[in-house]
PDB file of all heavy atoms in Angstrom:
ATOM      1  N   ALA A   1      -8.698   0.278   3.187  1.00  0.00           N
ATOM      2  CA  ALA A   1      -8.920   1.260   4.329  1.00  0.00           C
ATOM      3  C   ALA A   1      -8.061   0.739   5.493  1.00  0.00           C
ATOM      4  O   ALA A   1      -7.513   1.494   6.262  1.00  0.00           O
ATOM      5  CB  ALA A   1     -10.405   1.272   4.755  1.00  0.00           C
ATOM      6  N   PHE A   2      -8.005  -0.571   5.692  1.00  0.00           N
ATOM      7  CA  PHE A   2      -7.078  -1.158   6.815  1.00  0.00           C
ATOM      8  C   PHE A   2      -5.920  -1.851   6.250  1.00  0.00           C
ATOM      9  O   PHE A   2      -6.050  -2.788   5.464  1.00  0.00           O
ATOM     10  CB  PHE A   2      -8.010  -2.050   7.674  1.00  0.00           C
ATOM     11  CG  PHE A   2      -8.963  -1.461   8.576  1.00  0.00           C
ATOM     12  CD1 PHE A   2     -10.245  -1.129   8.026  1.00  0.00           C
ATOM     13  CD2 PHE A   2      -8.534  -0.861   9.795  1.00  0.00           C
ATOM     14  CE1 PHE A   2     -11.175  -0.441   8.875  1.00  0.00           C
ATOM     15  CE2 PHE A   2      -9.509  -0.076  10.485  1.00  0.00           C
ATOM     16  CZ  PHE A   2     -10.777   0.011  10.056  1.00  0.00           C
ATOM     17  N   ASP A   3      -4.822  -1.394   6.628  1.00  0.00           N
ATOM     18  CA  ASP A   3      -3.531  -2.069   6.051  1.00  0.00           C
ATOM     19  C   ASP A   3      -3.381  -3.369   6.527  1.00  0.00           C
ATOM     20  O   ASP A   3      -2.688  -4.131   5.755  1.00  0.00           O
ATOM     21  CB  ASP A   3      -2.285  -1.122   6.429  1.00  0.00           C
ATOM     22  CG  ASP A   3      -2.435   0.345   5.830  1.00  0.00           C
ATOM     23  OD1 ASP A   3      -2.396   0.290   4.577  1.00  0.00           O
ATOM     24  OD2 ASP A   3      -2.376   1.254   6.594  1.00  0.00           O
ATOM     25  N   SER A   4      -3.953  -3.769   7.575  1.00  0.00           N
ATOM     26  CA  SER A   4      -3.780  -5.130   7.999  1.00  0.00           C
ATOM     27  C   SER A   4      -4.455  -6.115   6.988  1.00  0.00           C
ATOM     28  O   SER A   4      -4.353  -7.320   7.094  1.00  0.00           O
ATOM     29  CB  SER A   4      -4.255  -5.521   9.391  1.00  0.00           C
ATOM     30  OG  SER A   4      -5.637  -4.938   9.614  1.00  0.00           O
ATOM     31  N   PHE A   5      -5.458  -5.657   6.174  1.00  0.00           N
ATOM     32  CA  PHE A   5      -6.213  -6.519   5.245  1.00  0.00           C
ATOM     33  C   PHE A   5      -5.300  -6.964   4.172  1.00  0.00           C
ATOM     34  O   PHE A   5      -5.726  -7.902   3.508  1.00  0.00           O
ATOM     35  CB  PHE A   5      -7.387  -5.685   4.755  1.00  0.00           C
ATOM     36  CG  PHE A   5      -8.338  -6.461   3.993  1.00  0.00           C
ATOM     37  CD1 PHE A   5      -9.093  -7.510   4.636  1.00  0.00           C
ATOM     38  CD2 PHE A   5      -8.524  -6.235   2.519  1.00  0.00           C
ATOM     39  CE1 PHE A   5     -10.043  -8.231   3.933  1.00  0.00           C
ATOM     40  CE2 PHE A   5      -9.360  -7.069   1.851  1.00  0.00           C
ATOM     41  CZ  PHE A   5     -10.221  -8.052   2.528  1.00  0.00           C
ATOM     42  N   TYR A   6      -4.164  -6.325   3.874  1.00  0.00           N
ATOM     43  CA  TYR A   6      -3.400  -6.710   2.708  1.00  0.00           C
ATOM     44  C   TYR A   6      -2.926  -8.231   2.872  1.00  0.00           C
ATOM     45  O   TYR A   6      -2.871  -8.986   1.867  1.00  0.00           O
ATOM     46  CB  TYR A   6      -2.066  -5.903   2.553  1.00  0.00           C
ATOM     47  CG  TYR A   6      -2.378  -4.575   1.924  1.00  0.00           C
ATOM     48  CD1 TYR A   6      -2.331  -3.387   2.649  1.00  0.00           C
ATOM     49  CD2 TYR A   6      -2.804  -4.515   0.659  1.00  0.00           C
ATOM     50  CE1 TYR A   6      -2.654  -2.151   2.103  1.00  0.00           C
ATOM     51  CE2 TYR A   6      -3.081  -3.274  -0.001  1.00  0.00           C
ATOM     52  CZ  TYR A   6      -2.952  -2.199   0.886  1.00  0.00           C
ATOM     53  OH  TYR A   6      -3.390  -0.920   0.174  1.00  0.00           O
ATOM     54  N   GLY A   7      -2.550  -8.728   4.049  1.00  0.00           N
ATOM     55  CA  GLY A   7      -2.100 -10.055   4.237  1.00  0.00           C
ATOM     56  C   GLY A   7      -0.722 -10.301   3.727  1.00  0.00           C
ATOM     57  O   GLY A   7      -0.065  -9.420   3.259  1.00  0.00           O
ATOM     58  N   PRO A   8      -0.202 -11.459   3.976  1.00  0.00           N
ATOM     59  CA  PRO A   8       1.255 -11.819   3.864  1.00  0.00           C
ATOM     60  C   PRO A   8       1.657 -11.857   2.211  1.00  0.00           C
ATOM     61  O   PRO A   8       2.794 -11.704   2.062  1.00  0.00           O
ATOM     62  CB  PRO A   8       1.498 -13.109   4.382  1.00  0.00           C
ATOM     63  CG  PRO A   8       0.107 -13.730   4.571  1.00  0.00           C
ATOM     64  CD  PRO A   8      -0.856 -12.606   4.612  1.00  0.00           C
ATOM     65  N   SER A   9       0.667 -11.927   1.333  1.00  0.00           N
ATOM     66  CA  SER A   9       1.114 -12.034  -0.029  1.00  0.00           C
ATOM     67  C   SER A   9       1.541 -10.636  -0.665  1.00  0.00           C
ATOM     68  O   SER A   9       2.109 -10.624  -1.671  1.00  0.00           O
ATOM     69  CB  SER A   9      -0.118 -12.552  -0.833  1.00  0.00           C
ATOM     70  OG  SER A   9      -1.226 -11.686  -0.896  1.00  0.00           O
ATOM     71  N   ALA A  10       1.082  -9.492   0.058  1.00  0.00           N
ATOM     72  CA  ALA A  10       1.442  -8.255  -0.458  1.00  0.00           C
ATOM     73  C   ALA A  10       2.741  -7.845   0.120  1.00  0.00           C
ATOM     74  O   ALA A  10       2.870  -7.844   1.301  1.00  0.00           O
ATOM     75  CB  ALA A  10       0.337  -7.225  -0.051  1.00  0.00           C
ATOM     76  N   SER A  11       3.658  -7.567  -0.645  1.00  0.00           N
ATOM     77  CA  SER A  11       5.028  -7.160  -0.159  1.00  0.00           C
ATOM     78  C   SER A  11       4.990  -5.813   0.374  1.00  0.00           C
ATOM     79  O   SER A  11       4.181  -4.950   0.070  1.00  0.00           O
ATOM     80  CB  SER A  11       6.009  -7.182  -1.204  1.00  0.00           C
ATOM     81  OG  SER A  11       6.012  -6.174  -2.146  1.00  0.00           O
ATOM     82  N   VAL A  12       5.956  -5.482   1.353  1.00  0.00           N
ATOM     83  CA  VAL A  12       6.031  -4.082   1.932  1.00  0.00           C
ATOM     84  C   VAL A  12       6.380  -3.059   0.817  1.00  0.00           C
ATOM     85  O   VAL A  12       5.555  -1.954   0.757  1.00  0.00           O
ATOM     86  CB  VAL A  12       7.160  -4.104   2.964  1.00  0.00           C
ATOM     87  CG1 VAL A  12       7.449  -2.615   3.427  1.00  0.00           C
ATOM     88  CG2 VAL A  12       6.827  -5.033   4.155  1.00  0.00           C
ATOM     89  N   GLU A  13       7.123  -3.359  -0.169  1.00  0.00           N
ATOM     90  CA  GLU A  13       7.359  -2.472  -1.261  1.00  0.00           C
ATOM     91  C   GLU A  13       6.079  -2.242  -2.022  1.00  0.00           C
ATOM     92  O   GLU A  13       5.864  -1.095  -2.452  1.00  0.00           O
ATOM     93  CB  GLU A  13       8.457  -3.125  -2.128  1.00  0.00           C
ATOM     94  CG  GLU A  13       9.876  -3.283  -1.580  1.00  0.00           C
ATOM     95  CD  GLU A  13      10.094  -4.470  -0.681  1.00  0.00           C
ATOM     96  OE1 GLU A  13       9.143  -5.276  -0.621  1.00  0.00           O
ATOM     97  OE2 GLU A  13      11.060  -4.490   0.003  1.00  0.00           O
ATOM     98  N   ALA A  14       5.208  -3.184  -2.283  1.00  0.00           N
ATOM     99  CA  ALA A  14       3.994  -2.968  -3.024  1.00  0.00           C
ATOM    100  C   ALA A  14       3.094  -2.023  -2.161  1.00  0.00           C
ATOM    101  O   ALA A  14       2.432  -1.290  -2.911  1.00  0.00           O
ATOM    102  CB  ALA A  14       3.335  -4.304  -3.318  1.00  0.00           C
ATOM    103  N   ILE A  15       2.998  -2.216  -0.884  1.00  0.00           N
ATOM    104  CA  ILE A  15       2.072  -1.412  -0.119  1.00  0.00           C
ATOM    105  C   ILE A  15       2.604   0.044  -0.123  1.00  0.00           C
ATOM    106  O   ILE A  15       1.835   1.006  -0.250  1.00  0.00           O
ATOM    107  CB  ILE A  15       2.003  -1.913   1.276  1.00  0.00           C
ATOM    108  CG1 ILE A  15       1.168  -3.256   1.282  1.00  0.00           C
ATOM    109  CG2 ILE A  15       1.248  -0.946   2.218  1.00  0.00           C
ATOM    110  CD1 ILE A  15       1.234  -4.111   2.552  1.00  0.00           C
ATOM    111  N   ILE A  16       3.918   0.184   0.099  1.00  0.00           N
ATOM    112  CA  ILE A  16       4.548   1.610   0.046  1.00  0.00           C
ATOM    113  C   ILE A  16       4.363   2.220  -1.311  1.00  0.00           C
ATOM    114  O   ILE A  16       4.040   3.364  -1.445  1.00  0.00           O
ATOM    115  CB  ILE A  16       5.978   1.540   0.394  1.00  0.00           C
ATOM    116  CG1 ILE A  16       6.073   1.149   1.963  1.00  0.00           C
ATOM    117  CG2 ILE A  16       6.730   2.823   0.059  1.00  0.00           C
ATOM    118  CD1 ILE A  16       7.509   0.862   2.456  1.00  0.00           C
ATOM    119  N   ASP A  17       4.405   1.457  -2.368  1.00  0.00           N
ATOM    120  CA  ASP A  17       4.121   1.943  -3.803  1.00  0.00           C
ATOM    121  C   ASP A  17       2.765   2.476  -3.849  1.00  0.00           C
ATOM    122  O   ASP A  17       2.488   3.399  -4.513  1.00  0.00           O
ATOM    123  CB  ASP A  17       4.531   0.876  -4.856  1.00  0.00           C
ATOM    124  CG  ASP A  17       4.421   1.407  -6.244  1.00  0.00           C
ATOM    125  OD1 ASP A  17       4.907   2.588  -6.482  1.00  0.00           O
ATOM    126  OD2 ASP A  17       3.835   0.814  -7.067  1.00  0.00           O
ATOM    127  N   ARG A  18       1.815   1.836  -3.303  1.00  0.00           N
ATOM    128  CA  ARG A  18       0.375   2.127  -3.301  1.00  0.00           C
ATOM    129  C   ARG A  18       0.224   3.477  -2.484  1.00  0.00           C
ATOM    130  O   ARG A  18      -0.418   4.329  -2.937  1.00  0.00           O
ATOM    131  CB  ARG A  18      -0.541   0.953  -2.558  1.00  0.00           C
ATOM    132  CG  ARG A  18      -1.914   1.428  -2.350  1.00  0.00           C
ATOM    133  CD  ARG A  18      -2.672   2.138  -3.390  1.00  0.00           C
ATOM    134  NE  ARG A  18      -3.021   1.232  -4.417  1.00  0.00           N
ATOM    135  CZ  ARG A  18      -3.761   1.628  -5.490  1.00  0.00           C
ATOM    136  NH1 ARG A  18      -4.246   2.902  -5.550  1.00  0.00           N
ATOM    137  NH2 ARG A  18      -4.161   0.779  -6.365  1.00  0.00           N
ATOM    138  N   TRP A  19       0.897   3.637  -1.299  1.00  0.00           N
ATOM    139  CA  TRP A  19       0.870   4.897  -0.559  1.00  0.00           C
ATOM    140  C   TRP A  19       1.399   5.898  -1.280  1.00  0.00           C
ATOM    141  O   TRP A  19       0.894   7.130  -1.348  1.00  0.00           O
ATOM    142  CB  TRP A  19       1.520   4.706   0.686  1.00  0.00           C
ATOM    143  CG  TRP A  19       1.065   3.747   1.756  1.00  0.00           C
ATOM    144  CD1 TRP A  19      -0.244   3.207   1.776  1.00  0.00           C
ATOM    145  CD2 TRP A  19       1.654   3.350   2.972  1.00  0.00           C
ATOM    146  NE1 TRP A  19      -0.374   2.421   2.891  1.00  0.00           N
ATOM    147  CE2 TRP A  19       0.745   2.375   3.580  1.00  0.00           C
ATOM    148  CE3 TRP A  19       3.040   3.461   3.460  1.00  0.00           C
ATOM    149  CZ2 TRP A  19       1.074   1.857   4.816  1.00  0.00           C
ATOM    150  CZ3 TRP A  19       3.170   2.880   4.745  1.00  0.00           C
ATOM    151  CH2 TRP A  19       2.314   2.066   5.281  1.00  0.00           C
ATOM    152  N   ASP A  20       2.581   5.736  -2.083  1.00  0.00           N
ATOM    153  CA  ASP A  20       3.169   6.684  -2.946  1.00  0.00           C
ATOM    154  C   ASP A  20       2.204   7.241  -3.975  1.00  0.00           C
ATOM    155  O   ASP A  20       2.082   8.302  -4.209  1.00  0.00           O
ATOM    156  CB  ASP A  20       4.405   6.362  -3.510  1.00  0.00           C
ATOM    157  CG  ASP A  20       5.135   7.255  -4.428  1.00  0.00           C
ATOM    158  OD1 ASP A  20       5.639   8.290  -3.900  1.00  0.00           O
ATOM    159  OD2 ASP A  20       5.113   6.956  -5.710  1.00  0.00           O
ATOM    160  N   TYR A  21       1.527   6.242  -4.592  1.00  0.00           N
ATOM    161  CA  TYR A  21       0.645   6.586  -5.688  1.00  0.00           C
ATOM    162  C   TYR A  21      -0.490   7.435  -5.107  1.00  0.00           C
ATOM    163  O   TYR A  21      -0.804   8.423  -5.688  1.00  0.00           O
ATOM    164  CB  TYR A  21       0.169   5.291  -6.293  1.00  0.00           C
ATOM    165  CG  TYR A  21      -1.022   5.606  -7.365  1.00  0.00           C
ATOM    166  CD1 TYR A  21      -0.494   5.922  -8.670  1.00  0.00           C
ATOM    167  CD2 TYR A  21      -2.326   5.571  -7.092  1.00  0.00           C
ATOM    168  CE1 TYR A  21      -1.481   6.195  -9.712  1.00  0.00           C
ATOM    169  CE2 TYR A  21      -3.247   5.850  -8.051  1.00  0.00           C
ATOM    170  CZ  TYR A  21      -2.850   6.082  -9.347  1.00  0.00           C
ATOM    171  OH  TYR A  21      -3.688   6.349 -10.319  1.00  0.00           O
ATOM    172  N   LYS A  22      -0.941   7.060  -3.994  1.00  0.00           N
ATOM    173  CA  LYS A  22      -2.157   7.718  -3.300  1.00  0.00           C
ATOM    174  C   LYS A  22      -1.674   9.267  -3.100  1.00  0.00           C
ATOM    175  O   LYS A  22      -2.454  10.199  -3.329  1.00  0.00           O
ATOM    176  CB  LYS A  22      -2.676   7.081  -2.039  1.00  0.00           C
ATOM    177  CG  LYS A  22      -3.751   7.718  -1.505  1.00  0.00           C
ATOM    178  CD  LYS A  22      -4.305   6.930  -0.243  1.00  0.00           C
ATOM    179  CE  LYS A  22      -5.574   7.440   0.264  1.00  0.00           C
ATOM    180  NZ  LYS A  22      -6.276   6.596   1.336  1.00  0.00           N
ATOM    181  N   LEU A  23      -0.539   9.428  -2.565  1.00  0.00           N
ATOM    182  CA  LEU A  23       0.127  10.707  -2.351  1.00  0.00           C
ATOM    183  C   LEU A  23       0.246  11.522  -3.445  1.00  0.00           C
ATOM    184  O   LEU A  23       0.097  12.798  -3.535  1.00  0.00           O
ATOM    185  CB  LEU A  23       1.268  10.651  -1.456  1.00  0.00           C
ATOM    186  CG  LEU A  23       1.070  10.213   0.064  1.00  0.00           C
ATOM    187  CD1 LEU A  23       2.394   9.938   0.786  1.00  0.00           C
ATOM    188  CD2 LEU A  23       0.193  11.216   0.887  1.00  0.00           C
ATOM    189  N   SER A  24       0.613  10.823  -4.522  1.00  0.00           N
ATOM    190  CA  SER A  24       1.001  11.555  -5.796  1.00  0.00           C
ATOM    191  C   SER A  24      -0.335  12.106  -6.455  1.00  0.00           C
ATOM    192  O   SER A  24      -0.276  12.760  -7.457  1.00  0.00           O
ATOM    193  CB  SER A  24       1.810  10.747  -6.706  1.00  0.00           C
ATOM    194  OG  SER A  24       1.003   9.557  -7.288  1.00  0.00           O
ATOM    195  N   THR A  25      -1.580  11.632  -5.990  1.00  0.00           N
ATOM    196  CA  THR A  25      -2.805  12.079  -6.552  1.00  0.00           C
ATOM    197  C   THR A  25      -3.414  13.196  -5.824  1.00  0.00           C
ATOM    198  O   THR A  25      -4.505  13.594  -6.014  1.00  0.00           O
ATOM    199  CB  THR A  25      -3.846  10.832  -6.632  1.00  0.00           C
ATOM    200  OG1 THR A  25      -4.200  10.520  -5.346  1.00  0.00           O
ATOM    201  CG2 THR A  25      -3.325   9.699  -7.432  1.00  0.00           C
ATOM    202  N   GLN A  26      -2.683  13.708  -4.790  1.00  0.00           N
ATOM    203  CA  GLN A  26      -3.168  14.677  -3.880  1.00  0.00           C
ATOM    204  C   GLN A  26      -2.334  15.892  -4.158  1.00  0.00           C
ATOM    205  O   GLN A  26      -1.249  15.915  -4.567  1.00  0.00           O
ATOM    206  CB  GLN A  26      -3.083  14.288  -2.439  1.00  0.00           C
ATOM    207  CG  GLN A  26      -3.997  13.067  -2.076  1.00  0.00           C
ATOM    208  CD  GLN A  26      -3.819  12.578  -0.661  1.00  0.00           C
ATOM    209  OE1 GLN A  26      -2.906  13.048   0.020  1.00  0.00           O
ATOM    210  NE2 GLN A  26      -4.623  11.754  -0.240  1.00  0.00           N
TER     211      GLN A  26
END
């Protein structure tokens, strides 16, 4: 729910891929 929870181990690309996946389910 909060993007700041990802922490430094999650790459920007991985977070954007998660966003893309979420949008693709809508």
